[in-house]
Amino acid sequence: MWLHGIVKTPPFSASARLEAGYLLRLLQRGEMLSMPHSRPMPLIGPQCYELRITDNDKIWRMVYRIDFDAVIIAEVFKKKTTATPKPVINVCKARFRMYDDASK
């Protein structure tokens, strides 16, 4: 699930869009992904991960959380450094809180 109207679809190439769709479908089916496709992001919260999508000369990240009934995508951003930027972490935490509040 995308947080409707908040998380924008990035300008992926056709091949990156297919890769992202394939990996998200695996997650929806209950499969757990590991490196090089995904890594845990416990700093953001429990069951939070970073999906890695390589797109020509860009590296994209999708921060997601696996709930019992959904895969929630909190943010998509172009990776420019080795560390996840603090503003991205803060936005993700806030969006997951917003999702949880709306789901009650």
PDB file of N, CA and C in Angstrom:
ATOM      1  N   MET A   1       0.835  -1.176   0.000  1.00  0.00           N
ATOM      2  CA  MET A   1       0.000   0.000   0.000  1.00  0.00           C
ATOM      3  C   MET A   1       0.881   1.240   0.000  1.00  0.00           C
ATOM      4  N   TRP A   2       0.570   2.161  -0.863  1.00  0.00           N
ATOM      5  CA  TRP A   2       1.215   3.469  -0.860  1.00  0.00           C
ATOM      6  C   TRP A   2       0.378   4.346   0.052  1.00  0.00           C
ATOM      7  N   LEU A   3       1.002   5.227   0.777  1.00  0.00           N
ATOM      8  CA  LEU A   3       0.248   6.192   1.567  1.00  0.00           C
ATOM      9  C   LEU A   3      -0.364   7.147   0.553  1.00  0.00           C
ATOM     10  N   HIS A   4      -1.643   6.995   0.297  1.00  0.00           N
ATOM     11  CA  HIS A   4      -2.341   7.664  -0.791  1.00  0.00           C
ATOM     12  C   HIS A   4      -2.092   9.166  -0.811  1.00  0.00           C
ATOM     13  N   GLY A   5      -1.566   9.638  -1.936  1.00  0.00           N
ATOM     14  CA  GLY A   5      -1.353  11.060  -2.122  1.00  0.00           C
ATOM     15  C   GLY A   5      -0.113  11.627  -1.456  1.00  0.00           C
ATOM     16  N   ILE A   6       0.605  10.817  -0.708  1.00  0.00           N
ATOM     17  CA  ILE A   6       1.774  11.322   0.015  1.00  0.00           C
ATOM     18  C   ILE A   6       3.061  10.837  -0.635  1.00  0.00           C
ATOM     19  N   VAL A   7       3.159   9.555  -0.892  1.00  0.00           N
ATOM     20  CA  VAL A   7       4.354   8.989  -1.509  1.00  0.00           C
ATOM     21  C   VAL A   7       4.143   8.999  -3.016  1.00  0.00           C
ATOM     22  N   LYS A   8       5.004   9.669  -3.728  1.00  0.00           N
ATOM     23  CA  LYS A   8       4.897   9.792  -5.180  1.00  0.00           C
ATOM     24  C   LYS A   8       5.680   8.684  -5.873  1.00  0.00           C
ATOM     25  N   THR A   9       5.139   8.203  -6.986  1.00  0.00           N
ATOM     26  CA  THR A   9       5.828   7.210  -7.784  1.00  0.00           C
ATOM     27  C   THR A   9       7.046   7.869  -8.425  1.00  0.00           C
ATOM     28  N   PRO A  10       8.216   7.297  -8.240  1.00  0.00           N
ATOM     29  CA  PRO A  10       9.428   7.912  -8.800  1.00  0.00           C
ATOM     30  C   PRO A  10       9.503   7.707 -10.312  1.00  0.00           C
ATOM     31  N   PRO A  11      10.330   8.483 -10.978  1.00  0.00           N
ATOM     32  CA  PRO A  11      10.485   8.342 -12.431  1.00  0.00           C
ATOM     33  C   PRO A  11      11.386   7.171 -12.797  1.00  0.00           C
ATOM     34  N   PHE A  12      10.942   5.962 -12.472  1.00  0.00           N
ATOM     35  CA  PHE A  12      11.699   4.758 -12.805  1.00  0.00           C
ATOM     36  C   PHE A  12      11.720   4.556 -14.322  1.00  0.00           C
ATOM     37  N   SER A  13      12.801   3.924 -14.787  1.00  0.00           N
ATOM     38  CA  SER A  13      12.817   3.433 -16.172  1.00  0.00           C
ATOM     39  C   SER A  13      11.871   2.226 -16.220  1.00  0.00           C
ATOM     40  N   ALA A  14      11.571   1.762 -17.422  1.00  0.00           N
ATOM     41  CA  ALA A  14      10.675   0.609 -17.573  1.00  0.00           C
ATOM     42  C   ALA A  14      11.227  -0.619 -16.853  1.00  0.00           C
ATOM     43  N   SER A  15      12.529  -0.857 -16.978  1.00  0.00           N
ATOM     44  CA  SER A  15      13.111  -2.047 -16.339  1.00  0.00           C
ATOM     45  C   SER A  15      13.101  -1.929 -14.816  1.00  0.00           C
ATOM     46  N   ALA A  16      13.372  -0.738 -14.291  1.00  0.00           N
ATOM     47  CA  ALA A  16      13.337  -0.553 -12.838  1.00  0.00           C
ATOM     48  C   ALA A  16      11.906  -0.687 -12.306  1.00  0.00           C
ATOM     49  N   ARG A  17      10.931  -0.205 -13.064  1.00  0.00           N
ATOM     50  CA  ARG A  17       9.525  -0.337 -12.662  1.00  0.00           C
ATOM     51  C   ARG A  17       9.137  -1.812 -12.594  1.00  0.00           C
ATOM     52  N   LEU A  18       9.590  -2.597 -13.565  1.00  0.00           N
ATOM     53  CA  LEU A  18       9.318  -4.036 -13.547  1.00  0.00           C
ATOM     54  C   LEU A  18       9.982  -4.714 -12.353  1.00  0.00           C
ATOM     55  N   GLU A  19      11.231  -4.352 -12.085  1.00  0.00           N
ATOM     56  CA  GLU A  19      11.940  -4.930 -10.941  1.00  0.00           C
ATOM     57  C   GLU A  19      11.237  -4.590  -9.632  1.00  0.00           C
ATOM     58  N   ALA A  20      10.873  -3.324  -9.462  1.00  0.00           N
ATOM     59  CA  ALA A  20      10.178  -2.904  -8.238  1.00  0.00           C
ATOM     60  C   ALA A  20       8.858  -3.643  -8.098  1.00  0.00           C
ATOM     61  N   GLY A  21       8.102  -3.745  -9.183  1.00  0.00           N
ATOM     62  CA  GLY A  21       6.825  -4.455  -9.144  1.00  0.00           C
ATOM     63  C   GLY A  21       6.994  -5.924  -8.794  1.00  0.00           C
ATOM     64  N   TYR A  22       8.006  -6.552  -9.378  1.00  0.00           N
ATOM     65  CA  TYR A  22       8.278  -7.961  -9.090  1.00  0.00           C
ATOM     66  C   TYR A  22       8.628  -8.166  -7.618  1.00  0.00           C
ATOM     67  N   LEU A  23       9.525  -7.332  -7.094  1.00  0.00           N
ATOM     68  CA  LEU A  23       9.943  -7.480  -5.691  1.00  0.00           C
ATOM     69  C   LEU A  23       8.788  -7.184  -4.735  1.00  0.00           C
ATOM     70  N   LEU A  24       7.985  -6.177  -5.047  1.00  0.00           N
ATOM     71  CA  LEU A  24       6.825  -5.881  -4.188  1.00  0.00           C
ATOM     72  C   LEU A  24       5.807  -7.020  -4.223  1.00  0.00           C
ATOM     73  N   ARG A  25       5.631  -7.642  -5.371  1.00  0.00           N
ATOM     74  CA  ARG A  25       4.719  -8.786  -5.472  1.00  0.00           C
ATOM     75  C   ARG A  25       5.217  -9.936  -4.596  1.00  0.00           C
ATOM     76  N   LEU A  26       6.526 -10.188  -4.592  1.00  0.00           N
ATOM     77  CA  LEU A  26       7.066 -11.233  -3.719  1.00  0.00           C
ATOM     78  C   LEU A  26       6.757 -10.918  -2.254  1.00  0.00           C
ATOM     79  N   LEU A  27       6.927  -9.664  -1.867  1.00  0.00           N
ATOM     80  CA  LEU A  27       6.623  -9.265  -0.491  1.00  0.00           C
ATOM     81  C   LEU A  27       5.146  -9.464  -0.178  1.00  0.00           C
ATOM     82  N   GLN A  28       4.270  -9.107  -1.114  1.00  0.00           N
ATOM     83  CA  GLN A  28       2.834  -9.276  -0.904  1.00  0.00           C
ATOM     84  C   GLN A  28       2.460 -10.746  -0.742  1.00  0.00           C
ATOM     85  N   ARG A  29       3.211 -11.617  -1.370  1.00  0.00           N
ATOM     86  CA  ARG A  29       2.952 -13.059  -1.252  1.00  0.00           C
ATOM     87  C   ARG A  29       3.534 -13.652   0.029  1.00  0.00           C
ATOM     88  N   GLY A  30       4.205 -12.820   0.823  1.00  0.00           N
ATOM     89  CA  GLY A  30       4.730 -13.281   2.093  1.00  0.00           C
ATOM     90  C   GLY A  30       6.181 -13.719   2.072  1.00  0.00           C
ATOM     91  N   GLU A  31       6.852 -13.545   0.957  1.00  0.00           N
ATOM     92  CA  GLU A  31       8.259 -13.915   0.891  1.00  0.00           C
ATOM     93  C   GLU A  31       9.105 -12.835   1.546  1.00  0.00           C
ATOM     94  N   MET A  32      10.124 -13.240   2.234  1.00  0.00           N
ATOM     95  CA  MET A  32      11.055 -12.298   2.857  1.00  0.00           C
ATOM     96  C   MET A  32      12.243 -12.121   1.915  1.00  0.00           C
ATOM     97  N   LEU A  33      12.590 -10.903   1.659  1.00  0.00           N
ATOM     98  CA  LEU A  33      13.734 -10.597   0.800  1.00  0.00           C
ATOM     99  C   LEU A  33      14.945 -10.272   1.664  1.00  0.00           C
ATOM    100  N   SER A  34      16.107 -10.541   1.118  1.00  0.00           N
ATOM    101  CA  SER A  34      17.353 -10.210   1.825  1.00  0.00           C
ATOM    102  C   SER A  34      18.280  -9.517   0.836  1.00  0.00           C
ATOM    103  N   MET A  35      19.508  -9.277   1.272  1.00  0.00           N
ATOM    104  CA  MET A  35      20.489  -8.623   0.407  1.00  0.00           C
ATOM    105  C   MET A  35      20.682  -9.475  -0.843  1.00  0.00           C
ATOM    106  N   PRO A  36      20.841  -8.896  -1.974  1.00  0.00           N
ATOM    107  CA  PRO A  36      21.076  -7.483  -2.236  1.00  0.00           C
ATOM    108  C   PRO A  36      19.795  -6.673  -2.459  1.00  0.00           C
ATOM    109  N   HIS A  37      18.624  -7.301  -2.373  1.00  0.00           N
ATOM    110  CA  HIS A  37      17.371  -6.609  -2.680  1.00  0.00           C
ATOM    111  C   HIS A  37      16.817  -5.792  -1.523  1.00  0.00           C
ATOM    112  N   SER A  38      17.022  -6.245  -0.318  1.00  0.00           N
ATOM    113  CA  SER A  38      16.396  -5.594   0.828  1.00  0.00           C
ATOM    114  C   SER A  38      17.270  -5.754   2.064  1.00  0.00           C
ATOM    115  N   ARG A  39      17.166  -4.748   2.947  1.00  0.00           N
ATOM    116  CA  ARG A  39      17.880  -4.859   4.219  1.00  0.00           C
ATOM    117  C   ARG A  39      16.991  -4.281   5.317  1.00  0.00           C
ATOM    118  N   PRO A  40      17.111  -4.790   6.530  1.00  0.00           N
ATOM    119  CA  PRO A  40      16.312  -4.279   7.649  1.00  0.00           C
ATOM    120  C   PRO A  40      16.674  -2.830   7.985  1.00  0.00           C
ATOM    121  N   MET A  41      15.677  -2.109   8.471  1.00  0.00           N
ATOM    122  CA  MET A  41      15.867  -0.718   8.899  1.00  0.00           C
ATOM    123  C   MET A  41      15.286  -0.561  10.312  1.00  0.00           C
ATOM    124  N   PRO A  42      15.889  -1.221  11.315  1.00  0.00           N
ATOM    125  CA  PRO A  42      15.339  -1.175  12.675  1.00  0.00           C
ATOM    126  C   PRO A  42      15.334   0.229  13.274  1.00  0.00           C
ATOM    127  N   LEU A  43      16.174   1.115  12.755  1.00  0.00           N
ATOM    128  CA  LEU A  43      16.186   2.487  13.236  1.00  0.00           C
ATOM    129  C   LEU A  43      14.845   3.178  12.978  1.00  0.00           C
ATOM    130  N   ILE A  44      14.167   2.772  11.915  1.00  0.00           N
ATOM    131  CA  ILE A  44      12.860   3.349  11.586  1.00  0.00           C
ATOM    132  C   ILE A  44      11.769   2.685  12.411  1.00  0.00           C
ATOM    133  N   GLY A  45      11.864   1.377  12.586  1.00  0.00           N
ATOM    134  CA  GLY A  45      10.872   0.678  13.386  1.00  0.00           C
ATOM    135  C   GLY A  45      10.900  -0.814  13.122  1.00  0.00           C
ATOM    136  N   PRO A  46      10.109  -1.564  13.892  1.00  0.00           N
ATOM    137  CA  PRO A  46      10.046  -3.008  13.681  1.00  0.00           C
ATOM    138  C   PRO A  46       9.407  -3.327  12.332  1.00  0.00           C
ATOM    139  N   GLN A  47       9.896  -4.375  11.711  1.00  0.00           N
ATOM    140  CA  GLN A  47       9.399  -4.849  10.420  1.00  0.00           C
ATOM    141  C   GLN A  47       9.591  -3.825   9.304  1.00  0.00           C
ATOM    142  N   CYS A  48      10.527  -2.888   9.475  1.00  0.00           N
ATOM    143  CA  CYS A  48      10.824  -1.883   8.449  1.00  0.00           C
ATOM    144  C   CYS A  48      12.066  -2.304   7.671  1.00  0.00           C
ATOM    145  N   TYR A  49      12.019  -2.047   6.364  1.00  0.00           N
ATOM    146  CA  TYR A  49      13.086  -2.465   5.473  1.00  0.00           C
ATOM    147  C   TYR A  49      13.312  -1.411   4.399  1.00  0.00           C
ATOM    148  N   GLU A  50      14.434  -1.572   3.706  1.00  0.00           N
ATOM    149  CA  GLU A  50      14.779  -0.711   2.585  1.00  0.00           C
ATOM    150  C   GLU A  50      14.913  -1.601   1.359  1.00  0.00           C
ATOM    151  N   LEU A  51      14.056  -1.385   0.370  1.00  0.00           N
ATOM    152  CA  LEU A  51      14.125  -2.113  -0.890  1.00  0.00           C
ATOM    153  C   LEU A  51      15.078  -1.367  -1.805  1.00  0.00           C
ATOM    154  N   ARG A  52      15.945  -2.087  -2.480  1.00  0.00           N
ATOM    155  CA  ARG A  52      16.974  -1.483  -3.317  1.00  0.00           C
ATOM    156  C   ARG A  52      16.657  -1.738  -4.785  1.00  0.00           C
ATOM    157  N   ILE A  53      16.549  -0.642  -5.542  1.00  0.00           N
ATOM    158  CA  ILE A  53      16.254  -0.730  -6.968  1.00  0.00           C
ATOM    159  C   ILE A  53      17.347   0.026  -7.723  1.00  0.00           C
ATOM    160  N   THR A  54      18.073  -0.686  -8.587  1.00  0.00           N
ATOM    161  CA  THR A  54      19.091  -0.048  -9.412  1.00  0.00           C
ATOM    162  C   THR A  54      18.454   0.302 -10.744  1.00  0.00           C
ATOM    163  N   ASP A  55      18.651   1.557 -11.160  1.00  0.00           N
ATOM    164  CA  ASP A  55      18.001   2.067 -12.360  1.00  0.00           C
ATOM    165  C   ASP A  55      19.023   2.849 -13.174  1.00  0.00           C
ATOM    166  N   ASN A  56      19.623   2.182 -14.145  1.00  0.00           N
ATOM    167  CA  ASN A  56      20.661   2.801 -14.970  1.00  0.00           C
ATOM    168  C   ASN A  56      21.733   3.432 -14.085  1.00  0.00           C
ATOM    169  N   ASP A  57      21.817   4.753 -14.053  1.00  0.00           N
ATOM    170  CA  ASP A  57      22.856   5.416 -13.267  1.00  0.00           C
ATOM    171  C   ASP A  57      22.360   5.884 -11.904  1.00  0.00           C
ATOM    172  N   LYS A  58      21.151   5.464 -11.518  1.00  0.00           N
ATOM    173  CA  LYS A  58      20.583   5.872 -10.231  1.00  0.00           C
ATOM    174  C   LYS A  58      20.373   4.655  -9.332  1.00  0.00           C
ATOM    175  N   ILE A  59      20.383   4.906  -8.053  1.00  0.00           N
ATOM    176  CA  ILE A  59      20.050   3.871  -7.079  1.00  0.00           C
ATOM    177  C   ILE A  59      18.872   4.399  -6.260  1.00  0.00           C
ATOM    178  N   TRP A  60      17.746   3.703  -6.330  1.00  0.00           N
ATOM    179  CA  TRP A  60      16.537   4.100  -5.618  1.00  0.00           C
ATOM    180  C   TRP A  60      16.358   3.240  -4.379  1.00  0.00           C
ATOM    181  N   ARG A  61      15.720   3.806  -3.383  1.00  0.00           N
ATOM    182  CA  ARG A  61      15.366   3.072  -2.168  1.00  0.00           C
ATOM    183  C   ARG A  61      13.889   3.286  -1.890  1.00  0.00           C
ATOM    184  N   MET A  62      13.240   2.219  -1.473  1.00  0.00           N
ATOM    185  CA  MET A  62      11.849   2.275  -1.040  1.00  0.00           C
ATOM    186  C   MET A  62      11.832   1.797   0.409  1.00  0.00           C
ATOM    187  N   VAL A  63      11.404   2.628   1.310  1.00  0.00           N
ATOM    188  CA  VAL A  63      11.305   2.226   2.705  1.00  0.00           C
ATOM    189  C   VAL A  63       9.899   1.669   2.906  1.00  0.00           C
ATOM    190  N   TYR A  64       9.835   0.433   3.404  1.00  0.00           N
ATOM    191  CA  TYR A  64       8.545  -0.228   3.574  1.00  0.00           C
ATOM    192  C   TYR A  64       8.490  -0.947   4.909  1.00  0.00           C
ATOM    193  N   ARG A  65       7.247  -1.256   5.294  1.00  0.00           N
ATOM    194  CA  ARG A  65       7.021  -2.028   6.507  1.00  0.00           C
ATOM    195  C   ARG A  65       6.070  -3.159   6.166  1.00  0.00           C
ATOM    196  N   ILE A  66       6.340  -4.314   6.758  1.00  0.00           N
ATOM    197  CA  ILE A  66       5.483  -5.470   6.543  1.00  0.00           C
ATOM    198  C   ILE A  66       4.570  -5.613   7.747  1.00  0.00           C
ATOM    199  N   ASP A  67       3.272  -5.439   7.511  1.00  0.00           N
ATOM    200  CA  ASP A  67       2.250  -5.698   8.526  1.00  0.00           C
ATOM    201  C   ASP A  67       1.609  -7.038   8.203  1.00  0.00           C
ATOM    202  N   PHE A  68       0.768  -7.538   9.089  1.00  0.00           N
ATOM    203  CA  PHE A  68       0.164  -8.843   8.857  1.00  0.00           C
ATOM    204  C   PHE A  68      -0.749  -8.839   7.630  1.00  0.00           C
ATOM    205  N   ASP A  69      -1.277  -7.671   7.252  1.00  0.00           N
ATOM    206  CA  ASP A  69      -2.228  -7.614   6.142  1.00  0.00           C
ATOM    207  C   ASP A  69      -1.806  -6.680   5.008  1.00  0.00           C
ATOM    208  N   ALA A  70      -0.615  -6.109   5.073  1.00  0.00           N
ATOM    209  CA  ALA A  70      -0.219  -5.147   4.046  1.00  0.00           C
ATOM    210  C   ALA A  70       1.285  -4.917   4.033  1.00  0.00           C
ATOM    211  N   VAL A  71       1.761  -4.447   2.898  1.00  0.00           N
ATOM    212  CA  VAL A  71       3.117  -3.919   2.762  1.00  0.00           C
ATOM    213  C   VAL A  71       2.926  -2.418   2.568  1.00  0.00           C
ATOM    214  N   ILE A  72       3.406  -1.627   3.502  1.00  0.00           N
ATOM    215  CA  ILE A  72       3.207  -0.181   3.474  1.00  0.00           C
ATOM    216  C   ILE A  72       4.493   0.491   3.031  1.00  0.00           C
ATOM    217  N   ILE A  73       4.401   1.327   2.001  1.00  0.00           N
ATOM    218  CA  ILE A  73       5.559   2.054   1.492  1.00  0.00           C
ATOM    219  C   ILE A  73       5.493   3.471   2.033  1.00  0.00           C
ATOM    220  N   ALA A  74       6.512   3.854   2.788  1.00  0.00           N
ATOM    221  CA  ALA A  74       6.528   5.171   3.422  1.00  0.00           C
ATOM    222  C   ALA A  74       7.283   6.215   2.607  1.00  0.00           C
ATOM    223  N   GLU A  75       8.274   5.788   1.834  1.00  0.00           N
ATOM    224  CA  GLU A  75       9.076   6.781   1.098  1.00  0.00           C
ATOM    225  C   GLU A  75       9.851   6.094  -0.020  1.00  0.00           C
ATOM    226  N   VAL A  76      10.060   6.838  -1.086  1.00  0.00           N
ATOM    227  CA  VAL A  76      10.923   6.419  -2.192  1.00  0.00           C
ATOM    228  C   VAL A  76      11.880   7.573  -2.428  1.00  0.00           C
ATOM    229  N   PHE A  77      13.157   7.263  -2.461  1.00  0.00           N
ATOM    230  CA  PHE A  77      14.134   8.325  -2.648  1.00  0.00           C
ATOM    231  C   PHE A  77      15.344   7.813  -3.409  1.00  0.00           C
ATOM    232  N   LYS A  78      16.055   8.741  -4.029  1.00  0.00           N
ATOM    233  CA  LYS A  78      17.272   8.427  -4.764  1.00  0.00           C
ATOM    234  C   LYS A  78      18.424   8.410  -3.768  1.00  0.00           C
ATOM    235  N   LYS A  79      19.124   7.309  -3.720  1.00  0.00           N
ATOM    236  CA  LYS A  79      20.232   7.159  -2.786  1.00  0.00           C
ATOM    237  C   LYS A  79      21.454   7.890  -3.335  1.00  0.00           C
ATOM    238  N   LYS A  80      22.013   8.783  -2.520  1.00  0.00           N
ATOM    239  CA  LYS A  80      23.181   9.557  -2.947  1.00  0.00           C
ATOM    240  C   LYS A  80      24.385   9.341  -2.041  1.00  0.00           C
ATOM    241  N   THR A  81      24.146   8.836  -0.834  1.00  0.00           N
ATOM    242  CA  THR A  81      25.229   8.600   0.117  1.00  0.00           C
ATOM    243  C   THR A  81      25.097   7.182   0.663  1.00  0.00           C
ATOM    244  N   THR A  82      26.076   6.744   1.426  1.00  0.00           N
ATOM    245  CA  THR A  82      26.008   5.392   1.988  1.00  0.00           C
ATOM    246  C   THR A  82      24.997   5.295   3.122  1.00  0.00           C
ATOM    247  N   ALA A  83      24.796   6.377   3.846  1.00  0.00           N
ATOM    248  CA  ALA A  83      23.854   6.370   4.966  1.00  0.00           C
ATOM    249  C   ALA A  83      22.500   6.917   4.522  1.00  0.00           C
ATOM    250  N   THR A  84      21.440   6.393   5.127  1.00  0.00           N
ATOM    251  CA  THR A  84      20.110   6.934   4.862  1.00  0.00           C
ATOM    252  C   THR A  84      20.014   8.298   5.539  1.00  0.00           C
ATOM    253  N   PRO A  85      19.639   9.331   4.788  1.00  0.00           N
ATOM    254  CA  PRO A  85      19.575  10.677   5.378  1.00  0.00           C
ATOM    255  C   PRO A  85      18.582  10.757   6.540  1.00  0.00           C
ATOM    256  N   LYS A  86      18.963  11.488   7.580  1.00  0.00           N
ATOM    257  CA  LYS A  86      18.120  11.648   8.771  1.00  0.00           C
ATOM    258  C   LYS A  86      16.727  12.184   8.426  1.00  0.00           C
ATOM    259  N   PRO A  87      16.584  13.161   7.511  1.00  0.00           N
ATOM    260  CA  PRO A  87      15.234  13.613   7.161  1.00  0.00           C
ATOM    261  C   PRO A  87      14.353  12.498   6.584  1.00  0.00           C
ATOM    262  N   VAL A  88      14.951  11.579   5.825  1.00  0.00           N
ATOM    263  CA  VAL A  88      14.191  10.448   5.277  1.00  0.00           C
ATOM    264  C   VAL A  88      13.724   9.549   6.419  1.00  0.00           C
ATOM    265  N   ILE A  89      14.597   9.274   7.360  1.00  0.00           N
ATOM    266  CA  ILE A  89      14.233   8.444   8.516  1.00  0.00           C
ATOM    267  C   ILE A  89      13.086   9.085   9.281  1.00  0.00           C
ATOM    268  N   ASN A  90      13.172  10.383   9.520  1.00  0.00           N
ATOM    269  CA  ASN A  90      12.118  11.081  10.261  1.00  0.00           C
ATOM    270  C   ASN A  90      10.787  11.075   9.514  1.00  0.00           C
ATOM    271  N   VAL A  91      10.829  11.288   8.198  1.00  0.00           N
ATOM    272  CA  VAL A  91       9.606  11.260   7.389  1.00  0.00           C
ATOM    273  C   VAL A  91       8.962   9.872   7.454  1.00  0.00           C
ATOM    274  N   CYS A  92       9.777   8.837   7.356  1.00  0.00           N
ATOM    275  CA  CYS A  92       9.250   7.470   7.396  1.00  0.00           C
ATOM    276  C   CYS A  92       8.588   7.167   8.737  1.00  0.00           C
ATOM    277  N   LYS A  93       9.237   7.536   9.804  1.00  0.00           N
ATOM    278  CA  LYS A  93       8.647   7.316  11.132  1.00  0.00           C
ATOM    279  C   LYS A  93       7.307   8.030  11.241  1.00  0.00           C
ATOM    280  N   ALA A  94       7.251   9.278  10.781  1.00  0.00           N
ATOM    281  CA  ALA A  94       6.010  10.055  10.857  1.00  0.00           C
ATOM    282  C   ALA A  94       4.915   9.430   9.986  1.00  0.00           C
ATOM    283  N   ARG A  95       5.265   8.983   8.816  1.00  0.00           N
ATOM    284  CA  ARG A  95       4.263   8.388   7.921  1.00  0.00           C
ATOM    285  C   ARG A  95       3.738   7.060   8.452  1.00  0.00           C
ATOM    286  N   PHE A  96       4.609   6.257   9.046  1.00  0.00           N
ATOM    287  CA  PHE A  96       4.125   5.008   9.640  1.00  0.00           C
ATOM    288  C   PHE A  96       3.199   5.288  10.821  1.00  0.00           C
ATOM    289  N   ARG A  97       3.533   6.316  11.620  1.00  0.00           N
ATOM    290  CA  ARG A  97       2.635   6.716  12.721  1.00  0.00           C
ATOM    291  C   ARG A  97       1.295   7.168  12.175  1.00  0.00           C
ATOM    292  N   MET A  98       1.323   7.952  11.099  1.00  0.00           N
ATOM    293  CA  MET A  98       0.100   8.433  10.481  1.00  0.00           C
ATOM    294  C   MET A  98      -0.740   7.258   9.960  1.00  0.00           C
ATOM    295  N   TYR A  99      -0.087   6.293   9.341  1.00  0.00           N
ATOM    296  CA  TYR A  99      -0.776   5.107   8.847  1.00  0.00           C
ATOM    297  C   TYR A  99      -1.404   4.342  10.000  1.00  0.00           C
ATOM    298  N   ASP A 100      -0.629   4.145  11.058  1.00  0.00           N
ATOM    299  CA  ASP A 100      -1.152   3.411  12.218  1.00  0.00           C
ATOM    300  C   ASP A 100      -2.343   4.132  12.843  1.00  0.00           C
ATOM    301  N   ASP A 101      -2.260   5.453  12.961  1.00  0.00           N
ATOM    302  CA  ASP A 101      -3.371   6.221  13.524  1.00  0.00           C
ATOM    303  C   ASP A 101      -4.611   6.113  12.646  1.00  0.00           C
ATOM    304  N   ALA A 102      -4.445   6.158  11.346  1.00  0.00           N
ATOM    305  CA  ALA A 102      -5.583   6.077  10.417  1.00  0.00           C
ATOM    306  C   ALA A 102      -6.174   4.674  10.362  1.00  0.00           C
ATOM    307  N   SER A 103      -5.371   3.660  10.706  1.00  0.00           N
ATOM    308  CA  SER A 103      -5.817   2.268  10.637  1.00  0.00           C
ATOM    309  C   SER A 103      -6.575   1.809  11.876  1.00  0.00           C
ATOM    310  N   LYS A 104      -6.591   2.636  12.896  1.00  0.00           N
ATOM    311  CA  LYS A 104      -7.244   2.230  14.153  1.00  0.00           C
ATOM    312  C   LYS A 104      -8.746   2.280  14.026  1.00  0.00           C
TER     313      LYS A 104
END
